[in-house]
Full PDB file with SEQRES, HELIX, SHEET, SSBOND, CRYST1, ORIGX, SCALE, CONECT and MASTER records, all heavy atoms in Angstrom:
SEQRES   1 A   30  LYS PRO GLU ASP THR ALA VAL TYR TYR CYS HIS ALA ALA          
SEQRES   2 A   30  VAL VAL SER GLY ILE TYR GLY TYR ASP TYR TRP GLY GLN          
SEQRES   3 A   30  GLY THR GLN VAL                                              
HELIX    1 AA1 PRO A    2  ASP A    4  5                                   3    
SHEET    1 AA1 2 VAL A   7  TYR A   8  0                                        
SHEET    2 AA1 2 THR A  28  GLN A  29 -1                                        
SHEET    1 AA2 2 HIS A  11  SER A  16  0                                        
SHEET    2 AA2 2 TYR A  19  TRP A  24 -1                                        
CRYST1    1.000    1.000    1.000  90.00  90.00  90.00 P 1           1          
ORIGX1      1.000000  0.000000  0.000000        0.00000                         
ORIGX2      0.000000  1.000000  0.000000        0.00000                         
ORIGX3      0.000000  0.000000  1.000000        0.00000                         
SCALE1      1.000000  0.000000  0.000000        0.00000                         
SCALE2      0.000000  1.000000  0.000000        0.00000                         
SCALE3      0.000000  0.000000  1.000000        0.00000                         
ATOM      1  N   LYS A   1       0.854  -1.172  -0.013  1.00  0.00           N  
ATOM      2  CA  LYS A   1       0.017  -0.037   0.027  1.00  0.00           C  
ATOM      3  C   LYS A   1       0.885   1.211  -0.048  1.00  0.00           C  
ATOM      4  O   LYS A   1       2.044   1.192   0.442  1.00  0.00           O  
ATOM      5  CB  LYS A   1      -0.897   0.011   1.252  1.00  0.00           C  
ATOM      6  CG  LYS A   1      -1.762  -1.225   1.441  1.00  0.00           C  
ATOM      7  CD  LYS A   1      -2.508  -1.131   2.767  1.00  0.00           C  
ATOM      8  CE  LYS A   1      -3.346  -2.363   3.000  1.00  0.00           C  
ATOM      9  NZ  LYS A   1      -4.056  -2.284   4.293  1.00  0.00           N  
ATOM     10  N   PRO A   2       0.342   2.364  -0.492  1.00  0.00           N  
ATOM     11  CA  PRO A   2       1.159   3.599  -0.396  1.00  0.00           C  
ATOM     12  C   PRO A   2       1.613   3.936   1.030  1.00  0.00           C  
ATOM     13  O   PRO A   2       2.666   4.526   1.191  1.00  0.00           O  
ATOM     14  CB  PRO A   2       0.162   4.676  -0.934  1.00  0.00           C  
ATOM     15  CG  PRO A   2      -0.706   3.915  -1.847  1.00  0.00           C  
ATOM     16  CD  PRO A   2      -0.901   2.555  -1.238  1.00  0.00           C  
ATOM     17  N   GLU A   3       0.804   3.539   1.992  1.00  0.00           N  
ATOM     18  CA  GLU A   3       1.169   3.775   3.374  1.00  0.00           C  
ATOM     19  C   GLU A   3       2.420   3.005   3.810  1.00  0.00           C  
ATOM     20  O   GLU A   3       2.995   3.285   4.871  1.00  0.00           O  
ATOM     21  CB  GLU A   3       0.025   3.450   4.334  1.00  0.00           C  
ATOM     22  CG  GLU A   3      -1.274   4.129   4.024  1.00  0.00           C  
ATOM     23  CD  GLU A   3      -2.131   3.344   3.044  1.00  0.00           C  
ATOM     24  OE1 GLU A   3      -2.984   2.517   3.546  1.00  0.00           O  
ATOM     25  OE2 GLU A   3      -1.972   3.505   1.834  1.00  0.00           O  
ATOM     26  N   ASP A   4       2.828   2.006   3.025  1.00  0.00           N  
ATOM     27  CA  ASP A   4       4.028   1.244   3.336  1.00  0.00           C  
ATOM     28  C   ASP A   4       5.274   1.988   2.912  1.00  0.00           C  
ATOM     29  O   ASP A   4       6.396   1.543   3.177  1.00  0.00           O  
ATOM     30  CB  ASP A   4       3.975  -0.108   2.685  1.00  0.00           C  
ATOM     31  CG  ASP A   4       2.835  -0.970   3.186  1.00  0.00           C  
ATOM     32  OD1 ASP A   4       2.645  -0.998   4.407  1.00  0.00           O  
ATOM     33  OD2 ASP A   4       2.226  -1.630   2.359  1.00  0.00           O  
ATOM     34  N   THR A   5       5.161   3.083   2.179  1.00  0.00           N  
ATOM     35  CA  THR A   5       6.306   3.814   1.684  1.00  0.00           C  
ATOM     36  C   THR A   5       7.119   4.294   2.879  1.00  0.00           C  
ATOM     37  O   THR A   5       6.628   4.997   3.752  1.00  0.00           O  
ATOM     38  CB  THR A   5       5.873   4.981   0.853  1.00  0.00           C  
ATOM     39  OG1 THR A   5       5.205   4.531  -0.319  1.00  0.00           O  
ATOM     40  CG2 THR A   5       7.048   5.870   0.463  1.00  0.00           C  
ATOM     41  N   ALA A   6       8.414   3.956   2.901  1.00  0.00           N  
ATOM     42  CA  ALA A   6       9.250   4.287   3.971  1.00  0.00           C  
ATOM     43  C   ALA A   6      10.711   3.809   3.648  1.00  0.00           C  
ATOM     44  O   ALA A   6      10.903   3.097   2.698  1.00  0.00           O  
ATOM     45  CB  ALA A   6       8.799   3.678   5.289  1.00  0.00           C  
ATOM     46  N   VAL A   7      11.618   4.244   4.449  1.00  0.00           N  
ATOM     47  CA  VAL A   7      12.972   3.607   4.428  1.00  0.00           C  
ATOM     48  C   VAL A   7      12.925   2.500   5.397  1.00  0.00           C  
ATOM     49  O   VAL A   7      12.524   2.645   6.557  1.00  0.00           O  
ATOM     50  CB  VAL A   7      14.049   4.634   4.834  1.00  0.00           C  
ATOM     51  CG1 VAL A   7      15.402   3.898   4.898  1.00  0.00           C  
ATOM     52  CG2 VAL A   7      14.077   5.776   3.889  1.00  0.00           C  
ATOM     53  N   TYR A   8      13.266   1.306   4.940  1.00  0.00           N  
ATOM     54  CA  TYR A   8      13.215   0.081   5.726  1.00  0.00           C  
ATOM     55  C   TYR A   8      14.643  -0.233   6.256  1.00  0.00           C  
ATOM     56  O   TYR A   8      15.570  -0.284   5.455  1.00  0.00           O  
ATOM     57  CB  TYR A   8      12.684  -1.071   4.983  1.00  0.00           C  
ATOM     58  CG  TYR A   8      11.136  -0.992   4.797  1.00  0.00           C  
ATOM     59  CD1 TYR A   8      10.566  -0.039   4.004  1.00  0.00           C  
ATOM     60  CD2 TYR A   8      10.329  -1.904   5.474  1.00  0.00           C  
ATOM     61  CE1 TYR A   8       9.190   0.030   3.881  1.00  0.00           C  
ATOM     62  CE2 TYR A   8       8.989  -1.817   5.362  1.00  0.00           C  
ATOM     63  CZ  TYR A   8       8.375  -0.827   4.572  1.00  0.00           C  
ATOM     64  OH  TYR A   8       7.040  -0.743   4.432  1.00  0.00           O  
ATOM     65  N   TYR A   9      14.748  -0.471   7.522  1.00  0.00           N  
ATOM     66  CA  TYR A   9      16.021  -0.703   8.157  1.00  0.00           C  
ATOM     67  C   TYR A   9      16.098  -2.090   8.790  1.00  0.00           C  
ATOM     68  O   TYR A   9      15.123  -2.512   9.477  1.00  0.00           O  
ATOM     69  CB  TYR A   9      16.274   0.308   9.292  1.00  0.00           C  
ATOM     70  CG  TYR A   9      16.385   1.742   8.832  1.00  0.00           C  
ATOM     71  CD1 TYR A   9      15.280   2.575   8.767  1.00  0.00           C  
ATOM     72  CD2 TYR A   9      17.639   2.252   8.449  1.00  0.00           C  
ATOM     73  CE1 TYR A   9      15.378   3.871   8.394  1.00  0.00           C  
ATOM     74  CE2 TYR A   9      17.751   3.577   8.056  1.00  0.00           C  
ATOM     75  CZ  TYR A   9      16.600   4.380   7.976  1.00  0.00           C  
ATOM     76  OH  TYR A   9      16.720   5.716   7.601  1.00  0.00           O  
ATOM     77  N   CYS A  10      17.142  -2.785   8.533  1.00  0.00           N  
ATOM     78  CA  CYS A  10      17.402  -4.037   9.170  1.00  0.00           C  
ATOM     79  C   CYS A  10      18.034  -3.807  10.526  1.00  0.00           C  
ATOM     80  O   CYS A  10      18.857  -2.900  10.712  1.00  0.00           O  
ATOM     81  CB  CYS A  10      18.317  -4.886   8.304  1.00  0.00           C  
ATOM     82  SG  CYS A  10      18.642  -6.529   8.968  1.00  0.00           S  
ATOM     83  N   HIS A  11      17.634  -4.640  11.497  1.00  0.00           N  
ATOM     84  CA  HIS A  11      18.111  -4.485  12.846  1.00  0.00           C  
ATOM     85  C   HIS A  11      18.558  -5.842  13.379  1.00  0.00           C  
ATOM     86  O   HIS A  11      17.959  -6.872  13.120  1.00  0.00           O  
ATOM     87  CB  HIS A  11      17.019  -3.911  13.805  1.00  0.00           C  
ATOM     88  CG  HIS A  11      17.361  -3.993  15.263  1.00  0.00           C  
ATOM     89  ND1 HIS A  11      16.864  -4.982  16.047  1.00  0.00           N  
ATOM     90  CD2 HIS A  11      18.094  -3.187  16.011  1.00  0.00           C  
ATOM     91  CE1 HIS A  11      17.319  -4.819  17.292  1.00  0.00           C  
ATOM     92  NE2 HIS A  11      18.048  -3.690  17.267  1.00  0.00           N  
ATOM     93  N   ALA A  12      19.620  -5.797  14.175  1.00  0.00           N  
ATOM     94  CA  ALA A  12      20.089  -7.042  14.830  1.00  0.00           C  
ATOM     95  C   ALA A  12      20.304  -6.778  16.285  1.00  0.00           C  
ATOM     96  O   ALA A  12      20.953  -5.708  16.663  1.00  0.00           O  
ATOM     97  CB  ALA A  12      21.385  -7.545  14.175  1.00  0.00           C  
ATOM     98  N   ALA A  13      19.847  -7.647  17.153  1.00  0.00           N  
ATOM     99  CA  ALA A  13      20.079  -7.601  18.584  1.00  0.00           C  
ATOM    100  C   ALA A  13      21.150  -8.607  18.894  1.00  0.00           C  
ATOM    101  O   ALA A  13      20.932  -9.811  18.586  1.00  0.00           O  
ATOM    102  CB  ALA A  13      18.823  -7.822  19.362  1.00  0.00           C  
ATOM    103  N   VAL A  14      22.210  -8.186  19.520  1.00  0.00           N  
ATOM    104  CA  VAL A  14      23.396  -9.085  19.774  1.00  0.00           C  
ATOM    105  C   VAL A  14      23.584  -9.188  21.231  1.00  0.00           C  
ATOM    106  O   VAL A  14      23.551  -8.176  21.960  1.00  0.00           O  
ATOM    107  CB  VAL A  14      24.602  -8.588  19.076  1.00  0.00           C  
ATOM    108  CG1 VAL A  14      25.837  -9.433  19.491  1.00  0.00           C  
ATOM    109  CG2 VAL A  14      24.416  -8.619  17.570  1.00  0.00           C  
ATOM    110  N   VAL A  15      23.757 -10.411  21.711  1.00  0.00           N  
ATOM    111  CA  VAL A  15      24.122 -10.643  23.132  1.00  0.00           C  
ATOM    112  C   VAL A  15      25.494 -11.285  23.135  1.00  0.00           C  
ATOM    113  O   VAL A  15      25.713 -12.297  22.517  1.00  0.00           O  
ATOM    114  CB  VAL A  15      23.081 -11.596  23.795  1.00  0.00           C  
ATOM    115  CG1 VAL A  15      23.557 -11.910  25.219  1.00  0.00           C  
ATOM    116  CG2 VAL A  15      21.704 -10.935  23.832  1.00  0.00           C  
ATOM    117  N   SER A  16      26.381 -10.630  23.859  1.00  0.00           N  
ATOM    118  CA  SER A  16      27.725 -11.136  24.076  1.00  0.00           C  
ATOM    119  C   SER A  16      28.054 -11.089  25.538  1.00  0.00           C  
ATOM    120  O   SER A  16      28.381 -10.065  26.095  1.00  0.00           O  
ATOM    121  CB  SER A  16      28.736 -10.265  23.270  1.00  0.00           C  
ATOM    122  OG  SER A  16      30.058 -10.731  23.455  1.00  0.00           O  
ATOM    123  N   GLY A  17      28.031 -12.278  26.151  1.00  0.00           N  
ATOM    124  CA  GLY A  17      28.204 -12.326  27.606  1.00  0.00           C  
ATOM    125  C   GLY A  17      27.064 -11.603  28.281  1.00  0.00           C  
ATOM    126  O   GLY A  17      25.882 -11.895  28.041  1.00  0.00           O  
ATOM    127  N   ILE A  18      27.432 -10.653  29.100  1.00  0.00           N  
ATOM    128  CA  ILE A  18      26.398  -9.823  29.775  1.00  0.00           C  
ATOM    129  C   ILE A  18      26.037  -8.577  29.000  1.00  0.00           C  
ATOM    130  O   ILE A  18      25.242  -7.797  29.498  1.00  0.00           O  
ATOM    131  CB  ILE A  18      26.846  -9.468  31.207  1.00  0.00           C  
ATOM    132  CG1 ILE A  18      28.076  -8.546  31.217  1.00  0.00           C  
ATOM    133  CG2 ILE A  18      27.116 -10.728  32.042  1.00  0.00           C  
ATOM    134  CD1 ILE A  18      28.423  -7.991  32.562  1.00  0.00           C  
ATOM    135  N   TYR A  19      26.660  -8.385  27.870  1.00  0.00           N  
ATOM    136  CA  TYR A  19      26.457  -7.183  27.126  1.00  0.00           C  
ATOM    137  C   TYR A  19      25.475  -7.411  25.995  1.00  0.00           C  
ATOM    138  O   TYR A  19      25.379  -8.495  25.387  1.00  0.00           O  
ATOM    139  CB  TYR A  19      27.817  -6.668  26.534  1.00  0.00           C  
ATOM    140  CG  TYR A  19      28.847  -6.393  27.568  1.00  0.00           C  
ATOM    141  CD1 TYR A  19      29.851  -7.285  27.822  1.00  0.00           C  
ATOM    142  CD2 TYR A  19      28.780  -5.228  28.346  1.00  0.00           C  
ATOM    143  CE1 TYR A  19      30.815  -7.041  28.758  1.00  0.00           C  
ATOM    144  CE2 TYR A  19      29.755  -4.994  29.295  1.00  0.00           C  
ATOM    145  CZ  TYR A  19      30.765  -5.882  29.514  1.00  0.00           C  
ATOM    146  OH  TYR A  19      31.698  -5.621  30.481  1.00  0.00           O  
ATOM    147  N   GLY A  20      24.716  -6.334  25.706  1.00  0.00           N  
ATOM    148  CA  GLY A  20      23.781  -6.358  24.571  1.00  0.00           C  
ATOM    149  C   GLY A  20      24.044  -5.197  23.660  1.00  0.00           C  
ATOM    150  O   GLY A  20      24.451  -4.112  24.093  1.00  0.00           O  
ATOM    151  N   TYR A  21      23.873  -5.429  22.360  1.00  0.00           N  
ATOM    152  CA  TYR A  21      24.183  -4.418  21.334  1.00  0.00           C  
ATOM    153  C   TYR A  21      23.077  -4.401  20.330  1.00  0.00           C  
ATOM    154  O   TYR A  21      22.413  -5.387  20.053  1.00  0.00           O  
ATOM    155  CB  TYR A  21      25.501  -4.685  20.674  1.00  0.00           C  
ATOM    156  CG  TYR A  21      26.661  -4.787  21.553  1.00  0.00           C  
ATOM    157  CD1 TYR A  21      27.011  -6.020  22.106  1.00  0.00           C  
ATOM    158  CD2 TYR A  21      27.427  -3.685  21.932  1.00  0.00           C  
ATOM    159  CE1 TYR A  21      28.129  -6.131  22.952  1.00  0.00           C  
ATOM    160  CE2 TYR A  21      28.515  -3.779  22.777  1.00  0.00           C  
ATOM    161  CZ  TYR A  21      28.893  -5.014  23.293  1.00  0.00           C  
ATOM    162  OH  TYR A  21      29.945  -5.130  24.136  1.00  0.00           O  
ATOM    163  N   ASP A  22      22.913  -3.245  19.750  1.00  0.00           N  
ATOM    164  CA  ASP A  22      21.945  -3.076  18.669  1.00  0.00           C  
ATOM    165  C   ASP A  22      22.681  -2.545  17.424  1.00  0.00           C  
ATOM    166  O   ASP A  22      23.493  -1.579  17.515  1.00  0.00           O  
ATOM    167  CB  ASP A  22      20.851  -2.057  19.026  1.00  0.00           C  
ATOM    168  CG  ASP A  22      19.984  -2.556  20.132  1.00  0.00           C  
ATOM    169  OD1 ASP A  22      19.175  -3.503  19.863  1.00  0.00           O  
ATOM    170  OD2 ASP A  22      20.008  -2.003  21.270  1.00  0.00           O  
ATOM    171  N   TYR A  23      22.419  -3.197  16.299  1.00  0.00           N  
ATOM    172  CA  TYR A  23      23.057  -2.830  15.016  1.00  0.00           C  
ATOM    173  C   TYR A  23      21.923  -2.528  14.007  1.00  0.00           C  
ATOM    174  O   TYR A  23      20.927  -3.161  13.993  1.00  0.00           O  
ATOM    175  CB  TYR A  23      23.983  -3.947  14.553  1.00  0.00           C  
ATOM    176  CG  TYR A  23      25.154  -4.169  15.434  1.00  0.00           C  
ATOM    177  CD1 TYR A  23      25.083  -5.130  16.434  1.00  0.00           C  
ATOM    178  CD2 TYR A  23      26.317  -3.430  15.314  1.00  0.00           C  
ATOM    179  CE1 TYR A  23      26.159  -5.354  17.298  1.00  0.00           C  
ATOM    180  CE2 TYR A  23      27.387  -3.703  16.139  1.00  0.00           C  
ATOM    181  CZ  TYR A  23      27.329  -4.646  17.113  1.00  0.00           C  
ATOM    182  OH  TYR A  23      28.406  -4.873  17.967  1.00  0.00           O  
ATOM    183  N   TRP A  24      22.302  -1.587  13.137  1.00  0.00           N  
ATOM    184  CA  TRP A  24      21.384  -1.151  12.111  1.00  0.00           C  
ATOM    185  C   TRP A  24      22.006  -1.159  10.752  1.00  0.00           C  
ATOM    186  O   TRP A  24      23.188  -0.796  10.629  1.00  0.00           O  
ATOM    187  CB  TRP A  24      20.829   0.258  12.439  1.00  0.00           C  
ATOM    188  CG  TRP A  24      20.049   0.309  13.695  1.00  0.00           C  
ATOM    189  CD1 TRP A  24      20.505   0.612  14.935  1.00  0.00           C  
ATOM    190  CD2 TRP A  24      18.638   0.135  13.814  1.00  0.00           C  
ATOM    191  NE1 TRP A  24      19.487   0.623  15.840  1.00  0.00           N  
ATOM    192  CE2 TRP A  24      18.345   0.306  15.169  1.00  0.00           C  
ATOM    193  CE3 TRP A  24      17.601  -0.182  12.932  1.00  0.00           C  
ATOM    194  CZ2 TRP A  24      17.030   0.215  15.700  1.00  0.00           C  
ATOM    195  CZ3 TRP A  24      16.338  -0.301  13.445  1.00  0.00           C  
ATOM    196  CH2 TRP A  24      16.045  -0.081  14.775  1.00  0.00           C  
ATOM    197  N   GLY A  25      21.235  -1.475   9.742  1.00  0.00           N  
ATOM    198  CA  GLY A  25      21.667  -1.352   8.382  1.00  0.00           C  
ATOM    199  C   GLY A  25      21.497   0.044   7.928  1.00  0.00           C  
ATOM    200  O   GLY A  25      21.008   0.971   8.634  1.00  0.00           O  
ATOM    201  N   GLN A  26      21.900   0.299   6.668  1.00  0.00           N  
ATOM    202  CA  GLN A  26      21.887   1.672   6.162  1.00  0.00           C  
ATOM    203  C   GLN A  26      20.505   2.080   5.683  1.00  0.00           C  
ATOM    204  O   GLN A  26      20.256   3.299   5.498  1.00  0.00           O  
ATOM    205  CB  GLN A  26      22.895   1.808   5.009  1.00  0.00           C  
ATOM    206  CG  GLN A  26      22.435   1.325   3.625  1.00  0.00           C  
ATOM    207  CD  GLN A  26      22.322  -0.188   3.551  1.00  0.00           C  
ATOM    208  OE1 GLN A  26      22.787  -0.920   4.423  1.00  0.00           O  
ATOM    209  NE2 GLN A  26      21.785  -0.694   2.463  1.00  0.00           N  
ATOM    210  N   GLY A  27      19.654   1.150   5.512  1.00  0.00           N  
ATOM    211  CA  GLY A  27      18.266   1.406   5.103  1.00  0.00           C  
ATOM    212  C   GLY A  27      18.139   1.229   3.552  1.00  0.00           C  
ATOM    213  O   GLY A  27      19.078   1.480   2.811  1.00  0.00           O  
ATOM    214  N   THR A  28      16.946   0.815   3.172  1.00  0.00           N  
ATOM    215  CA  THR A  28      16.619   0.717   1.762  1.00  0.00           C  
ATOM    216  C   THR A  28      15.200   1.297   1.537  1.00  0.00           C  
ATOM    217  O   THR A  28      14.317   1.082   2.295  1.00  0.00           O  
ATOM    218  CB  THR A  28      16.675  -0.785   1.301  1.00  0.00           C  
ATOM    219  OG1 THR A  28      16.448  -0.837  -0.120  1.00  0.00           O  
ATOM    220  CG2 THR A  28      15.659  -1.609   2.058  1.00  0.00           C  
ATOM    221  N   GLN A  29      15.122   2.107   0.479  1.00  0.00           N  
ATOM    222  CA  GLN A  29      13.910   2.830   0.243  1.00  0.00           C  
ATOM    223  C   GLN A  29      12.849   1.925  -0.442  1.00  0.00           C  
ATOM    224  O   GLN A  29      13.128   1.281  -1.423  1.00  0.00           O  
ATOM    225  CB  GLN A  29      14.167   4.056  -0.672  1.00  0.00           C  
ATOM    226  CG  GLN A  29      12.924   4.815  -1.083  1.00  0.00           C  
ATOM    227  CD  GLN A  29      12.316   5.613   0.112  1.00  0.00           C  
ATOM    228  OE1 GLN A  29      13.032   6.290   0.819  1.00  0.00           O  
ATOM    229  NE2 GLN A  29      10.995   5.488   0.250  1.00  0.00           N  
ATOM    230  N   VAL A  30      11.635   1.949   0.112  1.00  0.00           N  
ATOM    231  CA  VAL A  30      10.488   1.296  -0.513  1.00  0.00           C  
ATOM    232  C   VAL A  30       9.478   2.379  -0.796  1.00  0.00           C  
ATOM    233  O   VAL A  30       9.053   3.109   0.105  1.00  0.00           O  
ATOM    234  CB  VAL A  30       9.898   0.239   0.377  1.00  0.00           C  
ATOM    235  CG1 VAL A  30       8.583  -0.287  -0.186  1.00  0.00           C  
ATOM    236  CG2 VAL A  30      10.892  -0.900   0.616  1.00  0.00           C  
TER     237      VAL A  30                                                      
MASTER        0    0    0    1    4    0    0    6  236    1    0    3          
END                                                                             
């Protein structure tokens, strides 16, 4: 739908030991 128009970003949640991290892609236009 036209309402879906946006930049779409990939996200990853990473757990390393007791630490947590968030990573993002550069985005792709839809």
